[in-house]
Amino acid sequence: MTATASPVELCRRLTRVNIAYTIARMRVIEARSGEPVEVRRFGDAAALMARQVPSPHFNAVVGLRGGQENLVGELDDWYRANDINGRFVIAPGDLTPELGRALAARGYAQTDFDTVLYAAPPPAAAHDPEKACPGLDPGWMPISRLRGAGASKPRRPGGSEKIVCKQRVRAG
């Protein structure tokens, strides 16, 4: 992304990256648990459902924006039919009065904020993932994220859940 990208476009790009990473993590959980996860795509937006993981990050609609308010009722019904407390994550530049009204009509209200920290990778790591995160196998996943799917306890003294690239447990 160039330095001239607008804040809204940068936010949307980061949202797309976050969605892709979350879906990849969900697929690992699916393979490990044997229980299916569901992903519904609507342009850049995604509705995610992982019944086996009670985390709101795996049971949310992410990336919805103005012009897609007609999806709110359908997605809310989908979560309710599956006994999931759905969540809608709307970026600040994407909330329109119409989308806000559609969410409010279904009983949704703002409850918290998400924060995304980002930075450009150092030049040496920009084209070499091995330098950015040495020894990372794409089939591996942080154990703190798999705890709900039956993962073993962290191997660090004191039981800390802080995970870095080299502290991974094989998923699957």
N, C-alpha and C. Protein backbone atom coordinates (compact mmCIF):
# COMPACT_ATOMS: atom_id res chain seq x y z
N MET A 1 0.86 -1.16 0.00
CA MET A 1 0.00 0.00 0.00
C MET A 1 0.90 1.22 0.00
N THR A 2 0.60 2.18 -0.83
CA THR A 2 1.44 3.37 -0.93
C THR A 2 1.19 4.31 0.23
N ALA A 3 2.12 5.21 0.44
CA ALA A 3 2.01 6.17 1.54
C ALA A 3 0.86 7.15 1.31
N THR A 4 0.34 7.22 0.09
CA THR A 4 -0.73 8.17 -0.21
C THR A 4 -2.13 7.57 -0.02
N ALA A 5 -2.21 6.34 0.48
CA ALA A 5 -3.52 5.72 0.69
C ALA A 5 -4.29 6.50 1.75
N SER A 6 -5.60 6.62 1.52
CA SER A 6 -6.43 7.32 2.50
C SER A 6 -6.56 6.47 3.76
N PRO A 7 -6.86 7.09 4.89
CA PRO A 7 -7.05 6.31 6.12
C PRO A 7 -8.15 5.26 5.98
N VAL A 8 -9.22 5.56 5.25
CA VAL A 8 -10.30 4.61 5.06
C VAL A 8 -9.81 3.42 4.23
N GLU A 9 -9.06 3.68 3.16
CA GLU A 9 -8.54 2.58 2.33
C GLU A 9 -7.54 1.73 3.11
N LEU A 10 -6.70 2.37 3.91
CA LEU A 10 -5.76 1.62 4.74
C LEU A 10 -6.52 0.75 5.74
N CYS A 11 -7.55 1.29 6.35
CA CYS A 11 -8.37 0.54 7.29
C CYS A 11 -9.01 -0.66 6.60
N ARG A 12 -9.51 -0.47 5.39
CA ARG A 12 -10.14 -1.57 4.65
C ARG A 12 -9.11 -2.64 4.28
N ARG A 13 -7.91 -2.22 3.91
CA ARG A 13 -6.87 -3.20 3.59
C ARG A 13 -6.51 -4.01 4.83
N LEU A 14 -6.35 -3.35 5.95
CA LEU A 14 -6.03 -4.06 7.20
C LEU A 14 -7.17 -5.00 7.59
N THR A 15 -8.40 -4.60 7.34
CA THR A 15 -9.55 -5.46 7.63
C THR A 15 -9.50 -6.70 6.75
N ARG A 16 -9.19 -6.55 5.46
CA ARG A 16 -9.10 -7.71 4.57
C ARG A 16 -8.01 -8.67 5.03
N VAL A 17 -6.87 -8.13 5.46
CA VAL A 17 -5.78 -8.97 5.96
C VAL A 17 -6.22 -9.70 7.22
N ASN A 18 -6.88 -8.99 8.11
CA ASN A 18 -7.37 -9.60 9.35
C ASN A 18 -8.37 -10.72 9.06
N ILE A 19 -9.28 -10.48 8.12
CA ILE A 19 -10.26 -11.50 7.75
C ILE A 19 -9.54 -12.74 7.20
N ALA A 20 -8.60 -12.53 6.29
CA ALA A 20 -7.88 -13.66 5.69
C ALA A 20 -7.14 -14.46 6.75
N TYR A 21 -6.50 -13.77 7.69
CA TYR A 21 -5.76 -14.46 8.75
C TYR A 21 -6.72 -15.22 9.67
N THR A 22 -7.84 -14.60 10.01
CA THR A 22 -8.82 -15.26 10.88
C THR A 22 -9.40 -16.50 10.21
N ILE A 23 -9.71 -16.41 8.92
CA ILE A 23 -10.23 -17.58 8.21
C ILE A 23 -9.18 -18.69 8.17
N ALA A 24 -7.92 -18.35 7.96
CA ALA A 24 -6.87 -19.36 7.97
C ALA A 24 -6.79 -20.05 9.33
N ARG A 25 -6.89 -19.28 10.40
CA ARG A 25 -6.89 -19.86 11.75
C ARG A 25 -8.12 -20.74 11.95
N MET A 26 -9.26 -20.32 11.45
CA MET A 26 -10.48 -21.11 11.58
C MET A 26 -10.34 -22.45 10.86
N ARG A 27 -9.70 -22.46 9.71
CA ARG A 27 -9.51 -23.71 8.96
C ARG A 27 -8.61 -24.68 9.73
N VAL A 28 -7.62 -24.16 10.43
CA VAL A 28 -6.77 -25.02 11.27
C VAL A 28 -7.61 -25.61 12.40
N ILE A 29 -8.44 -24.79 13.03
CA ILE A 29 -9.32 -25.27 14.11
C ILE A 29 -10.27 -26.33 13.57
N GLU A 30 -10.80 -26.10 12.38
CA GLU A 30 -11.71 -27.06 11.75
C GLU A 30 -11.00 -28.40 11.54
N ALA A 31 -9.79 -28.35 11.01
CA ALA A 31 -9.04 -29.58 10.76
C ALA A 31 -8.71 -30.30 12.06
N ARG A 32 -8.37 -29.54 13.06
CA ARG A 32 -7.98 -30.13 14.35
C ARG A 32 -9.18 -30.73 15.08
N SER A 33 -10.30 -30.01 15.09
CA SER A 33 -11.46 -30.45 15.87
C SER A 33 -12.36 -31.42 15.11
N GLY A 34 -12.30 -31.38 13.78
CA GLY A 34 -13.20 -32.19 12.98
C GLY A 34 -14.59 -31.59 12.83
N GLU A 35 -14.83 -30.46 13.48
CA GLU A 35 -16.12 -29.78 13.38
C GLU A 35 -16.01 -28.66 12.34
N PRO A 36 -17.02 -28.53 11.49
CA PRO A 36 -16.92 -27.52 10.44
C PRO A 36 -17.03 -26.09 10.96
N VAL A 37 -16.38 -25.19 10.25
CA VAL A 37 -16.56 -23.76 10.46
C VAL A 37 -17.26 -23.24 9.21
N GLU A 38 -17.90 -22.11 9.35
CA GLU A 38 -18.61 -21.55 8.20
C GLU A 38 -18.12 -20.14 7.92
N VAL A 39 -17.98 -19.85 6.64
CA VAL A 39 -17.57 -18.52 6.20
C VAL A 39 -18.49 -18.13 5.05
N ARG A 40 -19.14 -17.00 5.19
CA ARG A 40 -19.97 -16.44 4.11
C ARG A 40 -19.31 -15.14 3.67
N ARG A 41 -19.08 -15.00 2.37
CA ARG A 41 -18.43 -13.81 1.84
C ARG A 41 -19.44 -12.90 1.17
N PHE A 42 -19.27 -11.60 1.38
CA PHE A 42 -20.11 -10.56 0.77
C PHE A 42 -19.18 -9.44 0.33
N GLY A 43 -18.59 -9.59 -0.85
CA GLY A 43 -17.57 -8.62 -1.27
C GLY A 43 -16.38 -8.72 -0.33
N ASP A 44 -15.95 -7.61 0.23
CA ASP A 44 -14.84 -7.61 1.18
C ASP A 44 -15.26 -8.08 2.57
N ALA A 45 -16.55 -8.16 2.83
CA ALA A 45 -17.04 -8.54 4.15
C ALA A 45 -17.12 -10.07 4.27
N ALA A 46 -17.05 -10.54 5.52
CA ALA A 46 -17.17 -11.97 5.78
C ALA A 46 -17.97 -12.18 7.05
N ALA A 47 -18.85 -13.17 7.01
CA ALA A 47 -19.58 -13.61 8.20
C ALA A 47 -18.94 -14.92 8.61
N LEU A 48 -18.45 -14.98 9.85
CA LEU A 48 -17.69 -16.11 10.34
C LEU A 48 -18.45 -16.83 11.44
N MET A 49 -18.39 -18.17 11.43
CA MET A 49 -19.02 -18.94 12.50
C MET A 49 -18.18 -20.18 12.80
N ALA A 50 -17.79 -20.30 14.06
CA ALA A 50 -17.09 -21.49 14.54
C ALA A 50 -17.76 -21.88 15.86
N ARG A 51 -18.70 -22.78 15.78
CA ARG A 51 -19.47 -23.18 16.96
C ARG A 51 -18.58 -23.75 18.06
N GLN A 52 -17.48 -24.40 17.69
CA GLN A 52 -16.62 -25.05 18.67
C GLN A 52 -15.70 -24.09 19.41
N VAL A 53 -15.66 -22.83 18.99
CA VAL A 53 -14.83 -21.83 19.65
C VAL A 53 -15.72 -20.66 20.06
N PRO A 54 -15.94 -20.48 21.35
CA PRO A 54 -16.87 -19.44 21.79
C PRO A 54 -16.31 -18.02 21.74
N SER A 55 -15.29 -17.80 20.97
CA SER A 55 -14.68 -16.48 20.85
C SER A 55 -15.50 -15.59 19.91
N PRO A 56 -15.73 -14.34 20.29
CA PRO A 56 -16.47 -13.44 19.40
C PRO A 56 -15.71 -13.16 18.09
N HIS A 57 -14.40 -13.35 18.09
CA HIS A 57 -13.62 -13.10 16.87
C HIS A 57 -13.90 -14.14 15.79
N PHE A 58 -14.32 -15.33 16.19
CA PHE A 58 -14.62 -16.39 15.23
C PHE A 58 -16.10 -16.49 14.93
N ASN A 59 -16.90 -15.62 15.53
CA ASN A 59 -18.36 -15.63 15.35
C ASN A 59 -18.82 -14.19 15.14
N ALA A 60 -18.40 -13.63 14.02
CA ALA A 60 -18.65 -12.21 13.78
C ALA A 60 -18.77 -11.92 12.29
N VAL A 61 -19.41 -10.82 12.00
CA VAL A 61 -19.44 -10.27 10.66
C VAL A 61 -18.42 -9.14 10.65
N VAL A 62 -17.46 -9.22 9.75
CA VAL A 62 -16.38 -8.24 9.69
C VAL A 62 -16.33 -7.63 8.29
N GLY A 63 -16.21 -6.31 8.24
CA GLY A 63 -16.04 -5.64 6.96
C GLY A 63 -17.32 -5.16 6.30
N LEU A 64 -18.46 -5.33 6.96
CA LEU A 64 -19.72 -4.84 6.41
C LEU A 64 -19.66 -3.32 6.34
N ARG A 65 -20.26 -2.74 5.32
CA ARG A 65 -20.25 -1.28 5.20
C ARG A 65 -21.56 -0.78 4.61
N GLY A 66 -21.67 0.52 4.55
CA GLY A 66 -22.86 1.14 3.99
C GLY A 66 -23.20 0.54 2.63
N GLY A 67 -24.49 0.36 2.38
CA GLY A 67 -24.95 -0.27 1.15
C GLY A 67 -25.22 -1.76 1.35
N GLN A 68 -24.77 -2.31 2.47
CA GLN A 68 -25.00 -3.72 2.76
C GLN A 68 -25.94 -3.93 3.95
N GLU A 69 -26.67 -2.88 4.30
CA GLU A 69 -27.56 -2.97 5.46
C GLU A 69 -28.65 -4.03 5.29
N ASN A 70 -28.98 -4.38 4.05
CA ASN A 70 -29.98 -5.42 3.82
C ASN A 70 -29.50 -6.80 4.29
N LEU A 71 -28.21 -6.99 4.57
CA LEU A 71 -27.68 -8.26 5.03
C LEU A 71 -27.80 -8.44 6.55
N VAL A 72 -28.02 -7.36 7.28
CA VAL A 72 -28.02 -7.42 8.74
C VAL A 72 -29.06 -8.41 9.25
N GLY A 73 -30.29 -8.34 8.78
CA GLY A 73 -31.35 -9.24 9.24
C GLY A 73 -31.04 -10.70 8.93
N GLU A 74 -30.60 -10.97 7.71
CA GLU A 74 -30.27 -12.33 7.29
C GLU A 74 -29.15 -12.91 8.16
N LEU A 75 -28.11 -12.13 8.40
CA LEU A 75 -26.98 -12.62 9.20
C LEU A 75 -27.34 -12.76 10.67
N ASP A 76 -28.12 -11.83 11.18
CA ASP A 76 -28.57 -11.94 12.57
C ASP A 76 -29.41 -13.21 12.73
N ASP A 77 -30.30 -13.49 11.80
CA ASP A 77 -31.11 -14.72 11.84
C ASP A 77 -30.23 -15.96 11.79
N TRP A 78 -29.18 -15.94 10.97
CA TRP A 78 -28.25 -17.06 10.83
C TRP A 78 -27.58 -17.38 12.18
N TYR A 79 -27.08 -16.34 12.84
CA TYR A 79 -26.44 -16.57 14.15
C TYR A 79 -27.46 -17.07 15.17
N ARG A 80 -28.64 -16.45 15.22
CA ARG A 80 -29.67 -16.87 16.18
C ARG A 80 -30.10 -18.32 15.94
N ALA A 81 -30.25 -18.72 14.68
CA ALA A 81 -30.65 -20.09 14.36
C ALA A 81 -29.61 -21.11 14.82
N ASN A 82 -28.38 -20.67 14.97
CA ASN A 82 -27.29 -21.54 15.41
C ASN A 82 -26.91 -21.31 16.88
N ASP A 83 -27.75 -20.59 17.61
CA ASP A 83 -27.50 -20.28 19.03
C ASP A 83 -26.13 -19.65 19.27
N ILE A 84 -25.77 -18.74 18.38
CA ILE A 84 -24.50 -18.02 18.49
C ILE A 84 -24.81 -16.54 18.74
N ASN A 85 -24.09 -15.95 19.68
CA ASN A 85 -24.20 -14.51 19.88
C ASN A 85 -23.34 -13.83 18.83
N GLY A 86 -23.96 -13.46 17.74
CA GLY A 86 -23.23 -12.83 16.65
C GLY A 86 -22.74 -11.44 17.02
N ARG A 87 -21.79 -10.98 16.28
CA ARG A 87 -21.19 -9.68 16.52
C ARG A 87 -20.93 -9.04 15.16
N PHE A 88 -21.16 -7.76 15.05
CA PHE A 88 -20.88 -7.03 13.83
C PHE A 88 -19.73 -6.06 14.11
N VAL A 89 -18.66 -6.19 13.34
CA VAL A 89 -17.49 -5.33 13.51
C VAL A 89 -17.50 -4.36 12.33
N ILE A 90 -17.77 -3.10 12.63
CA ILE A 90 -17.89 -2.07 11.61
C ILE A 90 -16.77 -1.05 11.79
N ALA A 91 -16.00 -0.84 10.75
CA ALA A 91 -14.92 0.14 10.82
C ALA A 91 -15.50 1.56 10.83
N PRO A 92 -14.83 2.50 11.49
CA PRO A 92 -15.38 3.85 11.61
C PRO A 92 -15.77 4.50 10.28
N GLY A 93 -15.01 4.33 9.24
CA GLY A 93 -15.33 4.95 7.96
C GLY A 93 -16.43 4.25 7.20
N ASP A 94 -16.87 3.09 7.69
CA ASP A 94 -17.86 2.29 6.98
C ASP A 94 -19.26 2.35 7.56
N LEU A 95 -19.42 2.97 8.72
CA LEU A 95 -20.74 3.06 9.33
C LEU A 95 -21.51 4.22 8.71
N THR A 96 -22.67 3.90 8.15
CA THR A 96 -23.56 4.91 7.58
C THR A 96 -24.81 4.97 8.46
N PRO A 97 -25.59 6.04 8.36
CA PRO A 97 -26.83 6.10 9.14
C PRO A 97 -27.75 4.91 8.85
N GLU A 98 -27.82 4.48 7.58
CA GLU A 98 -28.68 3.36 7.22
C GLU A 98 -28.19 2.05 7.86
N LEU A 99 -26.89 1.82 7.84
CA LEU A 99 -26.34 0.61 8.45
C LEU A 99 -26.54 0.65 9.97
N GLY A 100 -26.32 1.81 10.56
CA GLY A 100 -26.56 1.95 12.00
C GLY A 100 -28.00 1.68 12.38
N ARG A 101 -28.95 2.17 11.57
CA ARG A 101 -30.37 1.92 11.85
C ARG A 101 -30.71 0.44 11.71
N ALA A 102 -30.15 -0.23 10.69
CA ALA A 102 -30.42 -1.66 10.49
C ALA A 102 -29.89 -2.48 11.68
N LEU A 103 -28.72 -2.12 12.18
CA LEU A 103 -28.16 -2.82 13.34
C LEU A 103 -28.99 -2.55 14.59
N ALA A 104 -29.36 -1.29 14.80
CA ALA A 104 -30.15 -0.93 15.98
C ALA A 104 -31.52 -1.61 15.95
N ALA A 105 -32.12 -1.75 14.78
CA ALA A 105 -33.43 -2.40 14.66
C ALA A 105 -33.37 -3.86 15.10
N ARG A 106 -32.20 -4.46 15.02
CA ARG A 106 -32.00 -5.85 15.44
C ARG A 106 -31.45 -5.96 16.86
N GLY A 107 -31.32 -4.82 17.53
CA GLY A 107 -30.87 -4.83 18.91
C GLY A 107 -29.38 -4.69 19.11
N TYR A 108 -28.65 -4.37 18.07
CA TYR A 108 -27.20 -4.21 18.19
C TYR A 108 -26.86 -2.78 18.56
N ALA A 109 -25.83 -2.63 19.37
CA ALA A 109 -25.33 -1.32 19.78
C ALA A 109 -23.81 -1.41 19.91
N GLN A 110 -23.16 -0.28 19.85
CA GLN A 110 -21.71 -0.29 20.03
C GLN A 110 -21.37 -0.71 21.45
N THR A 111 -20.48 -1.68 21.58
CA THR A 111 -20.12 -2.17 22.90
C THR A 111 -18.63 -2.04 23.19
N ASP A 112 -17.82 -1.98 22.15
CA ASP A 112 -16.38 -1.86 22.37
C ASP A 112 -15.69 -1.39 21.10
N PHE A 113 -14.38 -1.26 21.19
CA PHE A 113 -13.56 -0.85 20.07
C PHE A 113 -12.50 -1.91 19.83
N ASP A 114 -12.12 -2.12 18.61
CA ASP A 114 -10.97 -2.95 18.26
C ASP A 114 -9.84 -2.02 17.87
N THR A 115 -8.65 -2.44 18.14
CA THR A 115 -7.47 -1.67 17.77
C THR A 115 -6.58 -2.54 16.90
N VAL A 116 -6.09 -1.98 15.83
CA VAL A 116 -5.17 -2.69 14.95
C VAL A 116 -3.87 -1.89 14.92
N LEU A 117 -2.80 -2.56 15.28
CA LEU A 117 -1.48 -1.93 15.19
C LEU A 117 -0.80 -2.48 13.95
N TYR A 118 -0.16 -1.63 13.22
CA TYR A 118 0.51 -2.07 12.00
C TYR A 118 1.75 -1.23 11.79
N ALA A 119 2.63 -1.76 10.99
CA ALA A 119 3.84 -1.05 10.57
C ALA A 119 4.35 -1.72 9.32
N ALA A 120 5.07 -0.98 8.54
CA ALA A 120 5.70 -1.58 7.37
C ALA A 120 6.82 -2.49 7.86
N PRO A 121 6.96 -3.67 7.24
CA PRO A 121 8.04 -4.55 7.67
C PRO A 121 9.40 -3.96 7.30
N PRO A 122 10.45 -4.36 8.00
CA PRO A 122 11.77 -3.88 7.60
C PRO A 122 12.07 -4.35 6.19
N PRO A 123 12.85 -3.61 5.42
CA PRO A 123 13.09 -3.96 4.01
C PRO A 123 13.54 -5.40 3.80
N ALA A 124 14.38 -5.94 4.67
CA ALA A 124 14.88 -7.30 4.49
C ALA A 124 13.76 -8.32 4.65
N ALA A 125 12.77 -8.03 5.47
CA ALA A 125 11.69 -8.98 5.73
C ALA A 125 10.52 -8.81 4.77
N ALA A 126 10.48 -7.69 4.08
CA ALA A 126 9.32 -7.39 3.24
C ALA A 126 9.09 -8.46 2.17
N HIS A 127 10.15 -9.07 1.67
CA HIS A 127 10.00 -10.06 0.61
C HIS A 127 10.39 -11.46 1.05
N ASP A 128 10.69 -11.63 2.32
CA ASP A 128 11.12 -12.93 2.82
C ASP A 128 10.44 -13.23 4.15
N PRO A 129 9.32 -13.98 4.13
CA PRO A 129 8.60 -14.27 5.37
C PRO A 129 9.47 -14.98 6.40
N GLU A 130 10.46 -15.75 5.97
CA GLU A 130 11.34 -16.45 6.90
C GLU A 130 12.11 -15.46 7.77
N LYS A 131 12.49 -14.32 7.21
CA LYS A 131 13.20 -13.31 7.99
C LYS A 131 12.24 -12.56 8.92
N ALA A 132 11.00 -12.43 8.50
CA ALA A 132 10.01 -11.72 9.32
C ALA A 132 9.61 -12.56 10.53
N CYS A 133 9.53 -13.86 10.35
CA CYS A 133 9.09 -14.76 11.42
C CYS A 133 9.82 -16.09 11.24
N PRO A 134 11.06 -16.20 11.71
CA PRO A 134 11.89 -17.37 11.45
C PRO A 134 11.24 -18.67 11.92
N GLY A 135 11.33 -19.68 11.08
CA GLY A 135 10.87 -21.01 11.45
C GLY A 135 9.37 -21.20 11.46
N LEU A 136 8.62 -20.26 10.94
CA LEU A 136 7.16 -20.36 10.99
C LEU A 136 6.65 -21.23 9.86
N ASP A 137 5.99 -22.30 10.21
CA ASP A 137 5.35 -23.20 9.27
C ASP A 137 3.89 -22.76 9.18
N PRO A 138 3.34 -22.52 7.96
CA PRO A 138 1.96 -22.06 7.85
C PRO A 138 0.94 -23.01 8.47
N GLY A 139 1.29 -24.27 8.68
CA GLY A 139 0.37 -25.20 9.31
C GLY A 139 0.39 -25.13 10.82
N TRP A 140 1.17 -24.23 11.36
CA TRP A 140 1.27 -24.10 12.81
C TRP A 140 0.43 -22.92 13.26
N MET A 141 0.09 -22.92 14.53
CA MET A 141 -0.80 -21.89 15.04
C MET A 141 -0.50 -21.61 16.50
N PRO A 142 -0.63 -20.36 16.95
CA PRO A 142 -0.37 -20.07 18.37
C PRO A 142 -1.28 -20.89 19.28
N ILE A 143 -0.70 -21.48 20.31
CA ILE A 143 -1.51 -22.33 21.17
C ILE A 143 -2.56 -21.56 21.94
N SER A 144 -2.32 -20.28 22.21
CA SER A 144 -3.33 -19.52 22.95
C SER A 144 -4.62 -19.43 22.17
N ARG A 145 -4.55 -19.48 20.86
CA ARG A 145 -5.75 -19.39 20.03
C ARG A 145 -6.47 -20.73 19.93
N LEU A 146 -5.79 -21.83 20.21
CA LEU A 146 -6.40 -23.13 20.11
C LEU A 146 -6.91 -23.65 21.45
N ARG A 147 -6.72 -22.90 22.50
CA ARG A 147 -7.09 -23.36 23.83
C ARG A 147 -8.53 -23.88 23.83
N GLY A 148 -9.45 -23.18 23.20
CA GLY A 148 -10.85 -23.60 23.17
C GLY A 148 -11.07 -24.84 22.33
N ALA A 149 -10.11 -25.22 21.50
CA ALA A 149 -10.25 -26.39 20.65
C ALA A 149 -9.46 -27.58 21.21
N GLY A 150 -9.15 -27.53 22.50
CA GLY A 150 -8.49 -28.65 23.14
C GLY A 150 -6.99 -28.65 23.06
N ALA A 151 -6.37 -27.51 22.85
CA ALA A 151 -4.90 -27.45 22.76
C ALA A 151 -4.28 -27.65 24.12
N SER A 152 -3.05 -28.07 24.11
CA SER A 152 -2.34 -28.26 25.37
C SER A 152 -1.97 -26.91 25.97
N LYS A 153 -1.56 -26.95 27.22
CA LYS A 153 -1.19 -25.72 27.92
C LYS A 153 0.11 -25.16 27.36
N PRO A 154 0.33 -23.86 27.52
CA PRO A 154 1.58 -23.28 27.04
C PRO A 154 2.78 -23.95 27.70
N ARG A 155 3.88 -23.99 26.98
CA ARG A 155 5.09 -24.62 27.49
C ARG A 155 6.00 -23.63 28.21
N ARG A 156 5.54 -22.44 28.43
CA ARG A 156 6.37 -21.43 29.09
C ARG A 156 6.20 -21.51 30.59
N PRO A 157 7.27 -21.27 31.35
CA PRO A 157 7.14 -21.25 32.81
C PRO A 157 6.12 -20.21 33.24
N GLY A 158 5.34 -20.53 34.23
CA GLY A 158 4.35 -19.59 34.74
C GLY A 158 3.05 -19.60 33.95
N GLY A 159 2.96 -20.38 32.88
CA GLY A 159 1.71 -20.51 32.14
C GLY A 159 1.34 -19.31 31.30
N SER A 160 2.29 -18.45 30.97
CA SER A 160 1.99 -17.28 30.17
C SER A 160 1.47 -17.68 28.80
N GLU A 161 0.50 -16.93 28.29
CA GLU A 161 -0.03 -17.22 26.97
C GLU A 161 0.58 -16.34 25.89
N LYS A 162 1.61 -15.59 26.22
CA LYS A 162 2.24 -14.76 25.19
C LYS A 162 2.95 -15.69 24.21
N ILE A 163 2.62 -15.53 22.95
CA ILE A 163 3.16 -16.41 21.93
C ILE A 163 3.98 -15.58 20.95
N VAL A 164 5.14 -16.07 20.61
CA VAL A 164 5.93 -15.45 19.56
C VAL A 164 6.17 -16.50 18.49
N CYS A 165 6.74 -16.11 17.40
CA CYS A 165 6.85 -17.01 16.25
C CYS A 165 7.47 -18.36 16.57
N LYS A 166 8.48 -18.41 17.38
CA LYS A 166 9.17 -19.66 17.63
C LYS A 166 8.47 -20.52 18.68
N GLN A 167 7.49 -20.00 19.38
CA GLN A 167 6.78 -20.75 20.40
C GLN A 167 5.42 -21.16 19.84
N ARG A 168 5.43 -22.24 19.12
CA ARG A 168 4.22 -22.71 18.44
C ARG A 168 4.01 -24.18 18.76
N VAL A 169 2.79 -24.62 18.62
CA VAL A 169 2.48 -26.03 18.79
C VAL A 169 1.83 -26.49 17.50
N ARG A 170 2.15 -27.67 17.06
CA ARG A 170 1.63 -28.17 15.78
C ARG A 170 0.12 -28.33 15.87
N ALA A 171 -0.60 -27.72 14.94
CA ALA A 171 -2.07 -27.82 14.89
C ALA A 171 -2.45 -28.90 13.90
N GLY A 172 -2.90 -30.00 14.41
CA GLY A 172 -3.35 -31.08 13.52
C GLY A 172 -2.30 -32.11 13.41
